[in-house]
Amino acid sequence: MTRKDLISWMNGQIRAGKMSLDESTPFVALGMSIPANGNSLEDSYAPSERLNFIEIANRGIEGALSRHDENEAKALQNVLDVMQKNMASR
């Protein structure tokens, strides 16, 4: 799935009433690419690049837990659960 696909799917879920705006926040973060070097978003944002968002979410959970950020870990776990449920229903 591309970042653009993820954002389109998320927007569809919101329009269908299956996801609240609050629930979408972690998906928005996954759908963005923010460069570590502080350059403009254009340097790293590749909306057509196919990515494994489950892997990205898992790495995010690991990072959040290493920083003792339980809220972020929980939010990303919810994202992971939604993605896995969506994939199972296809």
C-alpha atoms as a PDB file:
ATOM      1  CA  MET A   1       0.000   0.000   0.000  1.00  0.00           C
ATOM      2  CA  THR A   2       1.237   3.509  -0.707  1.00  0.00           C
ATOM      3  CA  ARG A   3       0.998   6.488   1.639  1.00  0.00           C
ATOM      4  CA  LYS A   4      -1.636   7.903  -0.701  1.00  0.00           C
ATOM      5  CA  ASP A   5      -3.587   4.603  -0.556  1.00  0.00           C
ATOM      6  CA  LEU A   6      -3.447   4.636   3.239  1.00  0.00           C
ATOM      7  CA  ILE A   7      -4.761   8.193   3.474  1.00  0.00           C
ATOM      8  CA  SER A   8      -7.503   7.476   0.913  1.00  0.00           C
ATOM      9  CA  TRP A   9      -8.557   4.346   2.817  1.00  0.00           C
ATOM     10  CA  MET A  10      -8.542   6.260   6.114  1.00  0.00           C
ATOM     11  CA  ASN A  11     -10.663   9.071   4.640  1.00  0.00           C
ATOM     12  CA  GLY A  12     -13.125   6.476   3.338  1.00  0.00           C
ATOM     13  CA  GLN A  13     -13.365   4.931   6.793  1.00  0.00           C
ATOM     14  CA  ILE A  14     -14.079   8.350   8.305  1.00  0.00           C
ATOM     15  CA  ARG A  15     -16.731   9.169   5.683  1.00  0.00           C
ATOM     16  CA  ALA A  16     -18.379   5.771   6.266  1.00  0.00           C
ATOM     17  CA  GLY A  17     -18.485   6.421  10.018  1.00  0.00           C
ATOM     18  CA  LYS A  18     -16.172   3.496  10.749  1.00  0.00           C
ATOM     19  CA  MET A  19     -13.413   5.700  12.172  1.00  0.00           C
ATOM     20  CA  SER A  20     -13.466   8.924  14.158  1.00  0.00           C
ATOM     21  CA  LEU A  21     -11.125  11.831  13.524  1.00  0.00           C
ATOM     22  CA  ASP A  22      -9.389  11.047  16.817  1.00  0.00           C
ATOM     23  CA  GLU A  23      -8.879   7.436  15.748  1.00  0.00           C
ATOM     24  CA  SER A  24      -7.406   8.615  12.451  1.00  0.00           C
ATOM     25  CA  THR A  25      -4.552  10.612  13.988  1.00  0.00           C
ATOM     26  CA  PRO A  26      -2.017   7.743  14.063  1.00  0.00           C
ATOM     27  CA  PHE A  27      -2.957   6.830  10.481  1.00  0.00           C
ATOM     28  CA  VAL A  28      -2.225  10.400   9.405  1.00  0.00           C
ATOM     29  CA  ALA A  29       1.197  10.114  11.038  1.00  0.00           C
ATOM     30  CA  LEU A  30       1.870   6.865   9.157  1.00  0.00           C
ATOM     31  CA  GLY A  31       0.714   8.495   5.938  1.00  0.00           C
ATOM     32  CA  MET A  32       3.214  11.311   6.255  1.00  0.00           C
ATOM     33  CA  SER A  33       6.922  11.221   5.661  1.00  0.00           C
ATOM     34  CA  ILE A  34       8.851  13.677   7.781  1.00  0.00           C
ATOM     35  CA  PRO A  35      12.570  13.892   7.025  1.00  0.00           C
ATOM     36  CA  ALA A  36      14.928  13.473   9.962  1.00  0.00           C
ATOM     37  CA  ASN A  37      17.271  16.136   8.605  1.00  0.00           C
ATOM     38  CA  GLY A  38      14.650  18.874   8.759  1.00  0.00           C
ATOM     39  CA  ASN A  39      14.545  19.535   5.013  1.00  0.00           C
ATOM     40  CA  SER A  40      11.256  20.106   3.250  1.00  0.00           C
ATOM     41  CA  LEU A  41       8.707  17.329   3.038  1.00  0.00           C
ATOM     42  CA  GLU A  42       9.296  17.104  -0.700  1.00  0.00           C
ATOM     43  CA  ASP A  43      12.687  15.523  -0.023  1.00  0.00           C
ATOM     44  CA  SER A  44      11.223  12.352   1.423  1.00  0.00           C
ATOM     45  CA  TYR A  45       7.494  12.275   0.705  1.00  0.00           C
ATOM     46  CA  ALA A  46       6.843   9.615  -1.889  1.00  0.00           C
ATOM     47  CA  PRO A  47       3.069   9.147  -2.117  1.00  0.00           C
ATOM     48  CA  SER A  48       3.360   6.388  -4.734  1.00  0.00           C
ATOM     49  CA  GLU A  49       6.035   4.324  -2.942  1.00  0.00           C
ATOM     50  CA  ARG A  50       4.655   0.985  -1.700  1.00  0.00           C
ATOM     51  CA  LEU A  51       5.318   0.465   2.008  1.00  0.00           C
ATOM     52  CA  ASN A  52       4.634  -2.196   4.617  1.00  0.00           C
ATOM     53  CA  PHE A  53       2.619  -0.194   7.152  1.00  0.00           C
ATOM     54  CA  ILE A  54       2.298  -3.168   9.491  1.00  0.00           C
ATOM     55  CA  GLU A  55       6.080  -3.296   9.744  1.00  0.00           C
ATOM     56  CA  ILE A  56       6.234   0.483  10.196  1.00  0.00           C
ATOM     57  CA  ALA A  57       3.623   0.339  12.974  1.00  0.00           C
ATOM     58  CA  ASN A  58       5.501  -2.496  14.692  1.00  0.00           C
ATOM     59  CA  ARG A  59       8.732  -0.476  14.607  1.00  0.00           C
ATOM     60  CA  GLY A  60       6.835   2.521  15.965  1.00  0.00           C
ATOM     61  CA  ILE A  61       5.487   0.442  18.849  1.00  0.00           C
ATOM     62  CA  GLU A  62       8.994  -0.774  19.659  1.00  0.00           C
ATOM     63  CA  GLY A  63      10.296   2.795  19.568  1.00  0.00           C
ATOM     64  CA  ALA A  64       7.487   4.093  21.760  1.00  0.00           C
ATOM     65  CA  LEU A  65       8.040   1.341  24.313  1.00  0.00           C
ATOM     66  CA  SER A  66      11.787   2.044  24.357  1.00  0.00           C
ATOM     67  CA  ARG A  67      10.941   5.690  25.159  1.00  0.00           C
ATOM     68  CA  HIS A  68       8.393   4.559  27.772  1.00  0.00           C
ATOM     69  CA  ASP A  69       5.657   6.295  25.783  1.00  0.00           C
ATOM     70  CA  GLU A  70       2.722   4.048  26.608  1.00  0.00           C
ATOM     71  CA  ASN A  71       0.168   6.351  24.946  1.00  0.00           C
ATOM     72  CA  GLU A  72       1.953   6.265  21.595  1.00  0.00           C
ATOM     73  CA  ALA A  73       2.473   2.499  21.851  1.00  0.00           C
ATOM     74  CA  LYS A  74      -1.238   2.020  22.559  1.00  0.00           C
ATOM     75  CA  ALA A  75      -2.273   4.283  19.666  1.00  0.00           C
ATOM     76  CA  LEU A  76       0.002   2.402  17.264  1.00  0.00           C
ATOM     77  CA  GLN A  77      -1.231  -0.952  18.572  1.00  0.00           C
ATOM     78  CA  ASN A  78      -4.780   0.196  17.795  1.00  0.00           C
ATOM     79  CA  VAL A  79      -3.633   1.137  14.275  1.00  0.00           C
ATOM     80  CA  LEU A  80      -2.019  -2.277  13.885  1.00  0.00           C
ATOM     81  CA  ASP A  81      -5.187  -4.025  15.088  1.00  0.00           C
ATOM     82  CA  VAL A  82      -7.343  -2.068  12.612  1.00  0.00           C
ATOM     83  CA  MET A  83      -4.971  -2.787   9.728  1.00  0.00           C
ATOM     84  CA  GLN A  84      -4.802  -6.498  10.523  1.00  0.00           C
ATOM     85  CA  LYS A  85      -8.584  -6.712  10.889  1.00  0.00           C
ATOM     86  CA  ASN A  86      -9.043  -4.898   7.563  1.00  0.00           C
ATOM     87  CA  MET A  87      -6.626  -7.245   5.822  1.00  0.00           C
ATOM     88  CA  ALA A  88      -8.354 -10.309   7.270  1.00  0.00           C
ATOM     89  CA  SER A  89     -11.722  -9.135   5.944  1.00  0.00           C
ATOM     90  CA  ARG A  90     -10.427  -8.869   2.357  1.00  0.00           C
END
